[in-house]
Amino acid sequence: MDRVLDGNDWLQYKKSRHGIGDIIRSVNDPQLIEGVRVAPAALHPDDRGYFMELIRLGHGLAAHFEPSTTQVSVALSYPGTIKAFHFHQKQTDYWCPSAGMFQVALVDLRQDSPTWGKKNTMYVGSLRPWHILIPPGVGHGYKIIGESSAVLAYVTNRFYDPSDEGRIAHSHELINYDWETQFK
């Protein structure tokens, strides 16, 4: 795995411009951060609601997840909530925004990566049901957009280990992510 920034590396990190980086509009967008993968979720609506498959272990984006160490979790967040940024040294995340709308923010913190310092933004959830694979070393977070709560179902390739997780303030000046509404 590429080396990830730690507390001693911040002075060497290349400060990025204020903004949201590249907006990812398709699952094969060439601007995706190295190692991030996106796939459309199969959504099956009917007159009762909808059914969406979260994951088939051994298939798709998370085909390499070992069933004996895979963890499945769900988080509900209220409108306007920002949960960012965190990253992992070893853990891979597989996100499935299941209800509501998310502004997902990613930043490549791996110094040896060809996309080091790059930011991606994805608008996903009920209106764009995508699954997102986030490799170790990619900082990630989200903001709930719209007027309703949102649900993120996610799967990790290993059980939660607090020593594997790093946190960076959502407003950290070196990431310089713009969480304001873009009005574009």
N, C-alpha and C. Protein backbone atom coordinates (compact mmCIF):
# COMPACT_ATOMS: atom_id res chain seq x y z
N MET A 1 0.84 -1.19 0.00
CA MET A 1 0.00 0.00 0.00
C MET A 1 0.87 1.25 0.00
N ASP A 2 0.41 2.27 -0.66
CA ASP A 2 1.11 3.56 -0.63
C ASP A 2 1.11 4.11 0.79
N ARG A 3 2.15 4.85 1.11
CA ARG A 3 2.24 5.46 2.43
C ARG A 3 1.20 6.56 2.56
N VAL A 4 0.61 6.69 3.73
CA VAL A 4 -0.44 7.66 3.99
C VAL A 4 0.12 8.75 4.88
N LEU A 5 -0.39 9.96 4.71
CA LEU A 5 0.02 11.07 5.55
C LEU A 5 -0.21 10.77 7.02
N ASP A 6 0.73 11.15 7.84
CA ASP A 6 0.50 11.13 9.29
C ASP A 6 0.79 12.53 9.80
N GLY A 7 0.73 12.70 11.11
CA GLY A 7 0.89 14.03 11.69
C GLY A 7 2.17 14.74 11.31
N ASN A 8 3.24 13.98 11.06
CA ASN A 8 4.53 14.59 10.72
C ASN A 8 4.63 15.02 9.26
N ASP A 9 3.70 14.54 8.44
CA ASP A 9 3.78 14.80 7.01
C ASP A 9 3.02 16.04 6.55
N TRP A 10 2.20 16.64 7.41
CA TRP A 10 1.34 17.73 6.97
C TRP A 10 2.12 18.90 6.39
N LEU A 11 3.31 19.16 6.91
CA LEU A 11 4.08 20.29 6.40
C LEU A 11 4.53 20.05 4.96
N GLN A 12 4.63 18.78 4.55
CA GLN A 12 5.07 18.46 3.20
C GLN A 12 3.90 18.32 2.22
N TYR A 13 2.69 18.24 2.75
CA TYR A 13 1.52 18.03 1.89
C TYR A 13 1.33 19.22 0.97
N LYS A 14 1.06 18.95 -0.29
CA LYS A 14 0.85 20.06 -1.21
C LYS A 14 -0.53 20.65 -1.00
N LYS A 15 -0.58 21.88 -0.57
CA LYS A 15 -1.86 22.54 -0.30
C LYS A 15 -2.65 22.65 -1.60
N SER A 16 -3.90 22.24 -1.52
CA SER A 16 -4.74 22.29 -2.71
C SER A 16 -5.59 23.55 -2.71
N ARG A 17 -6.05 23.90 -3.91
CA ARG A 17 -6.91 25.07 -4.05
C ARG A 17 -8.24 24.82 -3.38
N HIS A 18 -8.86 25.90 -2.90
CA HIS A 18 -10.18 25.82 -2.30
C HIS A 18 -11.16 25.35 -3.36
N GLY A 19 -11.97 24.38 -3.02
CA GLY A 19 -12.95 23.89 -3.97
C GLY A 19 -13.36 22.47 -3.67
N ILE A 20 -14.05 21.85 -4.63
CA ILE A 20 -14.56 20.50 -4.45
C ILE A 20 -13.86 19.50 -5.37
N GLY A 21 -12.85 19.95 -6.10
CA GLY A 21 -12.13 19.04 -6.99
C GLY A 21 -12.97 18.69 -8.20
N ASP A 22 -12.71 17.51 -8.74
CA ASP A 22 -13.43 17.05 -9.92
C ASP A 22 -14.77 16.45 -9.51
N ILE A 23 -15.84 16.88 -10.18
CA ILE A 23 -17.15 16.29 -9.95
C ILE A 23 -17.22 15.03 -10.81
N ILE A 24 -17.48 13.91 -10.16
CA ILE A 24 -17.56 12.63 -10.86
C ILE A 24 -18.99 12.41 -11.30
N ARG A 25 -19.19 12.36 -12.63
CA ARG A 25 -20.54 12.29 -13.18
C ARG A 25 -20.88 10.93 -13.77
N SER A 26 -19.89 10.06 -13.91
CA SER A 26 -20.16 8.73 -14.44
C SER A 26 -19.28 7.72 -13.72
N VAL A 27 -19.69 6.47 -13.74
CA VAL A 27 -18.96 5.44 -13.01
C VAL A 27 -17.58 5.17 -13.60
N ASN A 28 -17.36 5.55 -14.83
CA ASN A 28 -16.06 5.36 -15.48
C ASN A 28 -15.31 6.67 -15.70
N ASP A 29 -15.62 7.68 -14.94
CA ASP A 29 -15.02 9.00 -15.12
C ASP A 29 -13.50 8.90 -15.02
N PRO A 30 -12.76 9.42 -16.01
CA PRO A 30 -11.30 9.34 -15.97
C PRO A 30 -10.67 10.19 -14.87
N GLN A 31 -11.44 11.06 -14.23
CA GLN A 31 -10.91 11.91 -13.17
C GLN A 31 -10.96 11.26 -11.78
N LEU A 32 -11.43 10.02 -11.70
CA LEU A 32 -11.48 9.34 -10.42
C LEU A 32 -10.09 9.20 -9.81
N ILE A 33 -10.01 9.35 -8.50
CA ILE A 33 -8.77 9.13 -7.77
C ILE A 33 -8.33 7.68 -8.01
N GLU A 34 -7.03 7.48 -8.16
CA GLU A 34 -6.45 6.15 -8.38
C GLU A 34 -6.95 5.16 -7.31
N GLY A 35 -7.51 4.05 -7.77
CA GLY A 35 -7.96 3.00 -6.87
C GLY A 35 -9.41 3.10 -6.42
N VAL A 36 -10.02 4.28 -6.57
CA VAL A 36 -11.45 4.43 -6.25
C VAL A 36 -12.22 3.79 -7.40
N ARG A 37 -13.22 3.01 -7.05
CA ARG A 37 -14.06 2.37 -8.06
C ARG A 37 -15.52 2.68 -7.77
N VAL A 38 -16.30 2.82 -8.84
CA VAL A 38 -17.71 3.15 -8.72
C VAL A 38 -18.51 2.23 -9.64
N ALA A 39 -19.67 1.78 -9.15
CA ALA A 39 -20.56 0.96 -9.97
C ALA A 39 -21.99 1.37 -9.67
N PRO A 40 -22.84 1.33 -10.69
CA PRO A 40 -24.25 1.64 -10.43
C PRO A 40 -24.88 0.53 -9.59
N ALA A 41 -25.76 0.91 -8.69
CA ALA A 41 -26.50 -0.07 -7.90
C ALA A 41 -27.76 -0.43 -8.67
N ALA A 42 -28.10 -1.70 -8.66
CA ALA A 42 -29.33 -2.14 -9.30
C ALA A 42 -30.49 -1.81 -8.36
N LEU A 43 -31.33 -0.89 -8.79
CA LEU A 43 -32.46 -0.43 -8.00
C LEU A 43 -33.73 -0.96 -8.66
N HIS A 44 -34.58 -1.61 -7.87
CA HIS A 44 -35.79 -2.22 -8.40
C HIS A 44 -37.01 -1.60 -7.71
N PRO A 45 -37.54 -0.50 -8.28
CA PRO A 45 -38.71 0.15 -7.67
C PRO A 45 -40.01 -0.54 -8.08
N ASP A 46 -40.99 -0.47 -7.21
CA ASP A 46 -42.35 -0.89 -7.55
C ASP A 46 -43.32 -0.05 -6.73
N ASP A 47 -44.60 -0.44 -6.72
CA ASP A 47 -45.60 0.39 -6.05
C ASP A 47 -45.52 0.33 -4.53
N ARG A 48 -44.60 -0.45 -3.98
CA ARG A 48 -44.41 -0.54 -2.52
C ARG A 48 -43.16 0.20 -2.05
N GLY A 49 -42.28 0.60 -2.98
CA GLY A 49 -41.00 1.22 -2.64
C GLY A 49 -39.93 0.73 -3.59
N TYR A 50 -38.79 0.32 -3.06
CA TYR A 50 -37.75 -0.25 -3.92
C TYR A 50 -36.92 -1.27 -3.17
N PHE A 51 -36.26 -2.10 -3.95
CA PHE A 51 -35.30 -3.07 -3.44
C PHE A 51 -33.97 -2.75 -4.09
N MET A 52 -32.90 -2.75 -3.30
CA MET A 52 -31.56 -2.53 -3.83
C MET A 52 -30.62 -3.54 -3.18
N GLU A 53 -29.87 -4.23 -3.98
CA GLU A 53 -28.89 -5.17 -3.46
C GLU A 53 -27.66 -4.41 -3.00
N LEU A 54 -27.20 -4.68 -1.80
CA LEU A 54 -26.02 -4.00 -1.25
C LEU A 54 -24.73 -4.64 -1.76
N ILE A 55 -24.60 -5.94 -1.59
CA ILE A 55 -23.34 -6.60 -1.95
C ILE A 55 -23.56 -8.09 -2.12
N ARG A 56 -22.79 -8.66 -3.01
CA ARG A 56 -22.65 -10.11 -3.11
C ARG A 56 -21.18 -10.40 -2.86
N LEU A 57 -20.90 -10.98 -1.71
CA LEU A 57 -19.50 -11.27 -1.39
C LEU A 57 -18.91 -12.18 -2.47
N GLY A 58 -17.69 -11.84 -2.88
CA GLY A 58 -17.03 -12.61 -3.93
C GLY A 58 -17.31 -12.09 -5.33
N HIS A 59 -18.12 -11.02 -5.44
CA HIS A 59 -18.49 -10.48 -6.75
C HIS A 59 -18.35 -8.96 -6.75
N GLY A 60 -18.24 -8.39 -7.93
CA GLY A 60 -18.29 -6.94 -8.08
C GLY A 60 -17.12 -6.20 -7.45
N LEU A 61 -17.38 -4.96 -7.04
CA LEU A 61 -16.33 -4.10 -6.52
C LEU A 61 -15.62 -4.69 -5.30
N ALA A 62 -16.35 -5.42 -4.49
CA ALA A 62 -15.78 -5.96 -3.25
C ALA A 62 -15.48 -7.45 -3.37
N ALA A 63 -15.18 -7.92 -4.55
CA ALA A 63 -14.93 -9.35 -4.77
C ALA A 63 -13.78 -9.87 -3.91
N HIS A 64 -12.85 -9.01 -3.57
CA HIS A 64 -11.67 -9.44 -2.80
C HIS A 64 -11.90 -9.43 -1.28
N PHE A 65 -13.07 -9.02 -0.82
CA PHE A 65 -13.35 -9.00 0.62
C PHE A 65 -13.45 -10.44 1.14
N GLU A 66 -12.76 -10.71 2.21
CA GLU A 66 -12.78 -12.02 2.86
C GLU A 66 -14.01 -12.10 3.77
N PRO A 67 -14.93 -13.04 3.52
CA PRO A 67 -16.17 -13.09 4.31
C PRO A 67 -15.94 -13.17 5.83
N SER A 68 -14.89 -13.82 6.28
CA SER A 68 -14.69 -14.00 7.72
C SER A 68 -14.28 -12.73 8.45
N THR A 69 -13.86 -11.68 7.70
CA THR A 69 -13.46 -10.42 8.34
C THR A 69 -14.27 -9.23 7.85
N THR A 70 -15.29 -9.48 7.03
CA THR A 70 -16.12 -8.41 6.48
C THR A 70 -17.11 -7.93 7.53
N GLN A 71 -17.27 -6.61 7.62
CA GLN A 71 -18.22 -6.00 8.55
C GLN A 71 -19.22 -5.17 7.75
N VAL A 72 -20.50 -5.27 8.09
CA VAL A 72 -21.56 -4.50 7.45
C VAL A 72 -22.13 -3.54 8.49
N SER A 73 -22.25 -2.26 8.14
CA SER A 73 -22.73 -1.25 9.07
C SER A 73 -23.69 -0.30 8.36
N VAL A 74 -24.45 0.45 9.16
CA VAL A 74 -25.39 1.44 8.62
C VAL A 74 -25.28 2.69 9.47
N ALA A 75 -25.30 3.85 8.80
CA ALA A 75 -25.27 5.14 9.51
C ALA A 75 -26.41 6.01 8.98
N LEU A 76 -27.17 6.60 9.89
CA LEU A 76 -28.20 7.56 9.53
C LEU A 76 -27.68 8.94 9.93
N SER A 77 -27.81 9.90 9.02
CA SER A 77 -27.36 11.27 9.29
C SER A 77 -28.46 12.25 8.95
N TYR A 78 -28.55 13.30 9.73
CA TYR A 78 -29.58 14.31 9.55
C TYR A 78 -29.17 15.33 8.48
N PRO A 79 -30.14 16.04 7.89
CA PRO A 79 -29.85 17.03 6.85
C PRO A 79 -28.78 18.03 7.30
N GLY A 80 -27.85 18.31 6.41
CA GLY A 80 -26.79 19.28 6.69
C GLY A 80 -25.59 18.72 7.44
N THR A 81 -25.68 17.49 7.93
CA THR A 81 -24.58 16.88 8.67
C THR A 81 -23.36 16.70 7.77
N ILE A 82 -22.20 17.04 8.30
CA ILE A 82 -20.93 16.76 7.63
C ILE A 82 -20.17 15.77 8.48
N LYS A 83 -19.77 14.66 7.88
CA LYS A 83 -18.91 13.68 8.52
C LYS A 83 -17.67 13.55 7.65
N ALA A 84 -16.60 14.23 8.05
CA ALA A 84 -15.38 14.21 7.25
C ALA A 84 -14.26 14.80 8.09
N PHE A 85 -13.08 14.51 7.72
CA PHE A 85 -12.56 13.46 6.86
C PHE A 85 -11.98 12.38 7.74
N HIS A 86 -12.01 11.15 7.25
CA HIS A 86 -11.24 10.11 7.89
C HIS A 86 -10.64 9.22 6.81
N PHE A 87 -9.66 8.43 7.21
CA PHE A 87 -8.98 7.53 6.27
C PHE A 87 -8.49 6.32 7.05
N HIS A 88 -8.09 5.31 6.31
CA HIS A 88 -7.60 4.07 6.91
C HIS A 88 -6.25 3.70 6.31
N GLN A 89 -5.43 3.06 7.10
CA GLN A 89 -4.14 2.56 6.62
C GLN A 89 -4.32 1.23 5.88
N LYS A 90 -5.24 0.38 6.35
CA LYS A 90 -5.41 -0.96 5.80
C LYS A 90 -6.82 -1.24 5.29
N GLN A 91 -7.80 -0.63 5.88
CA GLN A 91 -9.20 -0.95 5.59
C GLN A 91 -9.67 -0.35 4.27
N THR A 92 -10.43 -1.14 3.52
CA THR A 92 -11.12 -0.68 2.32
C THR A 92 -12.59 -0.54 2.67
N ASP A 93 -13.21 0.57 2.26
CA ASP A 93 -14.63 0.81 2.48
C ASP A 93 -15.39 0.60 1.18
N TYR A 94 -16.60 0.09 1.31
CA TYR A 94 -17.52 -0.10 0.19
C TYR A 94 -18.82 0.58 0.60
N TRP A 95 -19.09 1.74 0.02
CA TRP A 95 -20.24 2.55 0.42
C TRP A 95 -21.42 2.33 -0.52
N CYS A 96 -22.60 2.33 0.09
CA CYS A 96 -23.84 2.26 -0.67
C CYS A 96 -24.83 3.26 -0.06
N PRO A 97 -24.79 4.52 -0.53
CA PRO A 97 -25.78 5.50 -0.04
C PRO A 97 -27.17 5.00 -0.42
N SER A 98 -27.99 4.69 0.60
CA SER A 98 -29.23 3.95 0.37
C SER A 98 -30.49 4.79 0.39
N ALA A 99 -30.49 5.90 1.11
CA ALA A 99 -31.66 6.77 1.17
C ALA A 99 -31.17 8.19 1.37
N GLY A 100 -31.86 9.16 0.78
CA GLY A 100 -31.42 10.54 0.88
C GLY A 100 -30.33 10.83 -0.13
N MET A 101 -29.74 12.02 -0.01
CA MET A 101 -28.70 12.43 -0.95
C MET A 101 -27.43 12.85 -0.21
N PHE A 102 -26.30 12.46 -0.76
CA PHE A 102 -24.98 12.69 -0.18
C PHE A 102 -24.11 13.49 -1.14
N GLN A 103 -23.34 14.39 -0.59
CA GLN A 103 -22.22 14.99 -1.31
C GLN A 103 -20.99 14.28 -0.75
N VAL A 104 -20.48 13.32 -1.49
CA VAL A 104 -19.33 12.53 -1.04
C VAL A 104 -18.06 13.25 -1.47
N ALA A 105 -17.15 13.42 -0.52
CA ALA A 105 -15.88 14.08 -0.78
C ALA A 105 -14.75 13.08 -0.56
N LEU A 106 -13.86 12.99 -1.54
CA LEU A 106 -12.70 12.11 -1.45
C LEU A 106 -11.44 12.94 -1.70
N VAL A 107 -10.35 12.59 -1.01
CA VAL A 107 -9.07 13.25 -1.26
C VAL A 107 -7.98 12.20 -1.13
N ASP A 108 -7.08 12.17 -2.08
CA ASP A 108 -6.00 11.19 -2.10
C ASP A 108 -4.87 11.67 -1.19
N LEU A 109 -4.65 10.96 -0.10
CA LEU A 109 -3.61 11.32 0.88
C LEU A 109 -2.35 10.48 0.73
N ARG A 110 -2.30 9.62 -0.27
CA ARG A 110 -1.15 8.71 -0.47
C ARG A 110 -0.05 9.43 -1.25
N GLN A 111 1.06 9.66 -0.59
CA GLN A 111 2.15 10.42 -1.20
C GLN A 111 2.71 9.76 -2.46
N ASP A 112 2.66 8.45 -2.54
CA ASP A 112 3.22 7.74 -3.69
C ASP A 112 2.20 7.52 -4.81
N SER A 113 1.01 8.05 -4.66
CA SER A 113 -0.05 7.86 -5.65
C SER A 113 0.08 8.87 -6.78
N PRO A 114 -0.24 8.45 -8.02
CA PRO A 114 -0.23 9.41 -9.13
C PRO A 114 -1.30 10.49 -9.00
N THR A 115 -2.28 10.28 -8.12
CA THR A 115 -3.34 11.28 -7.93
C THR A 115 -3.25 11.92 -6.55
N TRP A 116 -2.06 11.90 -5.93
CA TRP A 116 -1.87 12.48 -4.60
C TRP A 116 -2.38 13.92 -4.56
N GLY A 117 -3.19 14.24 -3.56
CA GLY A 117 -3.73 15.58 -3.38
C GLY A 117 -5.00 15.86 -4.16
N LYS A 118 -5.37 14.99 -5.07
CA LYS A 118 -6.56 15.18 -5.90
C LYS A 118 -7.82 15.03 -5.06
N LYS A 119 -8.83 15.85 -5.38
CA LYS A 119 -10.14 15.77 -4.73
C LYS A 119 -11.19 15.36 -5.75
N ASN A 120 -12.12 14.52 -5.30
CA ASN A 120 -13.29 14.14 -6.08
C ASN A 120 -14.54 14.44 -5.28
N THR A 121 -15.61 14.81 -5.98
CA THR A 121 -16.92 14.99 -5.37
C THR A 121 -17.93 14.18 -6.17
N MET A 122 -18.79 13.47 -5.44
CA MET A 122 -19.87 12.70 -6.06
C MET A 122 -21.17 13.06 -5.37
N TYR A 123 -22.21 13.27 -6.15
CA TYR A 123 -23.55 13.49 -5.62
C TYR A 123 -24.31 12.18 -5.83
N VAL A 124 -24.52 11.45 -4.74
CA VAL A 124 -25.06 10.09 -4.82
C VAL A 124 -26.14 9.87 -3.78
N GLY A 125 -26.91 8.85 -4.00
CA GLY A 125 -27.98 8.49 -3.07
C GLY A 125 -29.22 8.09 -3.84
N SER A 126 -30.37 8.51 -3.36
CA SER A 126 -31.65 8.12 -3.97
C SER A 126 -31.73 8.47 -5.45
N LEU A 127 -31.18 9.61 -5.83
CA LEU A 127 -31.27 10.05 -7.23
C LEU A 127 -30.14 9.50 -8.10
N ARG A 128 -29.08 9.01 -7.48
CA ARG A 128 -27.97 8.39 -8.21
C ARG A 128 -27.44 7.26 -7.34
N PRO A 129 -28.05 6.07 -7.45
CA PRO A 129 -27.64 4.96 -6.59
C PRO A 129 -26.35 4.30 -7.09
N TRP A 130 -25.25 4.72 -6.51
CA TRP A 130 -23.93 4.18 -6.85
C TRP A 130 -23.35 3.46 -5.65
N HIS A 131 -22.54 2.46 -5.92
CA HIS A 131 -21.69 1.84 -4.92
C HIS A 131 -20.29 2.41 -5.14
N ILE A 132 -19.58 2.71 -4.04
CA ILE A 132 -18.27 3.36 -4.13
C ILE A 132 -17.27 2.56 -3.31
N LEU A 133 -16.18 2.13 -3.93
CA LEU A 133 -15.10 1.42 -3.26
C LEU A 133 -14.00 2.44 -2.97
N ILE A 134 -13.65 2.58 -1.69
CA ILE A 134 -12.66 3.57 -1.26
C ILE A 134 -11.45 2.84 -0.68
N PRO A 135 -10.30 2.90 -1.36
CA PRO A 135 -9.13 2.16 -0.88
C PRO A 135 -8.45 2.83 0.31
N PRO A 136 -7.59 2.09 1.00
CA PRO A 136 -6.81 2.68 2.09
C PRO A 136 -6.03 3.90 1.60
N GLY A 137 -5.92 4.91 2.46
CA GLY A 137 -5.16 6.11 2.12
C GLY A 137 -5.94 7.19 1.42
N VAL A 138 -7.20 6.93 1.08
CA VAL A 138 -8.03 7.96 0.46
C VAL A 138 -8.95 8.51 1.55
N GLY A 139 -8.77 9.81 1.86
CA GLY A 139 -9.62 10.47 2.83
C GLY A 139 -11.03 10.55 2.29
N HIS A 140 -12.02 10.33 3.14
CA HIS A 140 -13.39 10.34 2.68
C HIS A 140 -14.32 10.90 3.73
N GLY A 141 -15.42 11.44 3.22
CA GLY A 141 -16.43 12.01 4.08
C GLY A 141 -17.62 12.41 3.24
N TYR A 142 -18.62 12.97 3.92
CA TYR A 142 -19.81 13.37 3.19
C TYR A 142 -20.57 14.46 3.93
N LYS A 143 -21.45 15.09 3.15
CA LYS A 143 -22.43 16.04 3.67
C LYS A 143 -23.79 15.58 3.18
N ILE A 144 -24.79 15.63 4.07
CA ILE A 144 -26.15 15.28 3.67
C ILE A 144 -26.77 16.52 3.04
N ILE A 145 -27.20 16.38 1.80
CA ILE A 145 -27.80 17.50 1.07
C ILE A 145 -29.30 17.23 0.91
N GLY A 146 -30.06 18.28 0.78
CA GLY A 146 -31.51 18.15 0.70
C GLY A 146 -32.13 18.31 2.08
N GLU A 147 -33.41 18.02 2.16
CA GLU A 147 -34.18 18.29 3.38
C GLU A 147 -34.51 17.05 4.19
N SER A 148 -34.00 15.90 3.81
CA SER A 148 -34.32 14.69 4.56
C SER A 148 -33.05 14.00 5.05
N SER A 149 -33.23 13.18 6.07
CA SER A 149 -32.12 12.38 6.58
C SER A 149 -31.65 11.42 5.49
N ALA A 150 -30.47 10.88 5.66
CA ALA A 150 -29.91 9.97 4.67
C ALA A 150 -29.31 8.76 5.37
N VAL A 151 -29.31 7.64 4.67
CA VAL A 151 -28.80 6.39 5.21
C VAL A 151 -27.66 5.90 4.34
N LEU A 152 -26.52 5.64 4.99
CA LEU A 152 -25.36 5.06 4.31
C LEU A 152 -25.18 3.64 4.85
N ALA A 153 -25.36 2.66 3.97
CA ALA A 153 -25.00 1.29 4.30
C ALA A 153 -23.58 1.10 3.78
N TYR A 154 -22.72 0.50 4.58
CA TYR A 154 -21.36 0.31 4.11
C TYR A 154 -20.77 -0.99 4.63
N VAL A 155 -19.84 -1.50 3.84
CA VAL A 155 -19.18 -2.75 4.14
C VAL A 155 -17.68 -2.48 4.16
N THR A 156 -17.00 -3.07 5.13
CA THR A 156 -15.55 -2.93 5.20
C THR A 156 -14.91 -4.30 5.09
N ASN A 157 -13.70 -4.34 4.56
CA ASN A 157 -13.03 -5.62 4.34
C ASN A 157 -12.36 -6.17 5.59
N ARG A 158 -12.49 -5.46 6.70
CA ARG A 158 -11.95 -5.93 7.98
C ARG A 158 -12.80 -5.33 9.09
N PHE A 159 -12.76 -5.96 10.24
CA PHE A 159 -13.51 -5.45 11.37
C PHE A 159 -12.94 -4.10 11.79
N TYR A 160 -13.79 -3.26 12.36
CA TYR A 160 -13.37 -1.94 12.79
C TYR A 160 -12.21 -2.03 13.78
N ASP A 161 -11.18 -1.23 13.51
CA ASP A 161 -10.00 -1.16 14.37
C ASP A 161 -9.64 0.32 14.51
N PRO A 162 -9.89 0.92 15.67
CA PRO A 162 -9.63 2.36 15.83
C PRO A 162 -8.18 2.76 15.55
N SER A 163 -7.24 1.85 15.72
CA SER A 163 -5.84 2.19 15.47
C SER A 163 -5.54 2.31 13.97
N ASP A 164 -6.42 1.82 13.12
CA ASP A 164 -6.24 1.89 11.67
C ASP A 164 -6.82 3.18 11.09
N GLU A 165 -7.59 3.91 11.87
CA GLU A 165 -8.31 5.08 11.35
C GLU A 165 -7.62 6.38 11.72
N GLY A 166 -7.51 7.26 10.74
CA GLY A 166 -7.02 8.61 10.97
C GLY A 166 -8.14 9.60 10.70
N ARG A 167 -8.10 10.71 11.38
CA ARG A 167 -9.15 11.73 11.21
C ARG A 167 -8.50 13.08 10.90
N ILE A 168 -9.18 13.83 10.04
CA ILE A 168 -8.75 15.16 9.64
C ILE A 168 -10.01 16.03 9.67
N ALA A 169 -9.93 17.20 10.25
CA ALA A 169 -11.09 18.09 10.34
C ALA A 169 -11.66 18.38 8.95
N HIS A 170 -13.00 18.43 8.85
CA HIS A 170 -13.65 18.68 7.56
C HIS A 170 -13.23 20.03 6.97
N SER A 171 -12.78 20.93 7.81
CA SER A 171 -12.40 22.27 7.36
C SER A 171 -10.88 22.47 7.32
N HIS A 172 -10.11 21.39 7.36
CA HIS A 172 -8.65 21.53 7.42
C HIS A 172 -8.14 22.33 6.22
N GLU A 173 -7.29 23.31 6.49
CA GLU A 173 -6.84 24.25 5.45
C GLU A 173 -6.01 23.59 4.35
N LEU A 174 -5.36 22.48 4.62
CA LEU A 174 -4.55 21.86 3.57
C LEU A 174 -5.39 21.06 2.58
N ILE A 175 -6.49 20.48 3.04
CA ILE A 175 -7.41 19.84 2.10
C ILE A 175 -8.22 20.91 1.40
N ASN A 176 -8.66 21.90 2.17
CA ASN A 176 -9.30 23.09 1.60
C ASN A 176 -10.57 22.75 0.81
N TYR A 177 -11.35 21.81 1.33
CA TYR A 177 -12.58 21.41 0.65
C TYR A 177 -13.68 22.44 0.91
N ASP A 178 -14.44 22.74 -0.13
CA ASP A 178 -15.50 23.74 -0.03
C ASP A 178 -16.85 23.03 0.18
N TRP A 179 -17.34 23.07 1.41
CA TRP A 179 -18.60 22.39 1.75
C TRP A 179 -19.83 23.26 1.47
N GLU A 180 -19.65 24.47 1.01
CA GLU A 180 -20.79 25.36 0.74
C GLU A 180 -21.53 24.90 -0.51
N THR A 181 -22.81 25.24 -0.61
CA THR A 181 -23.60 24.96 -1.81
C THR A 181 -22.94 25.70 -2.96
N GLN A 182 -22.80 25.01 -4.08
CA GLN A 182 -22.04 25.56 -5.22
C GLN A 182 -22.85 26.50 -6.11
N PHE A 183 -24.16 26.43 -6.10
CA PHE A 183 -25.01 27.30 -6.92
C PHE A 183 -24.57 27.33 -8.38
N LYS A 184 -24.30 26.16 -8.92
CA LYS A 184 -23.89 26.07 -10.34
C LYS A 184 -25.01 25.57 -11.19
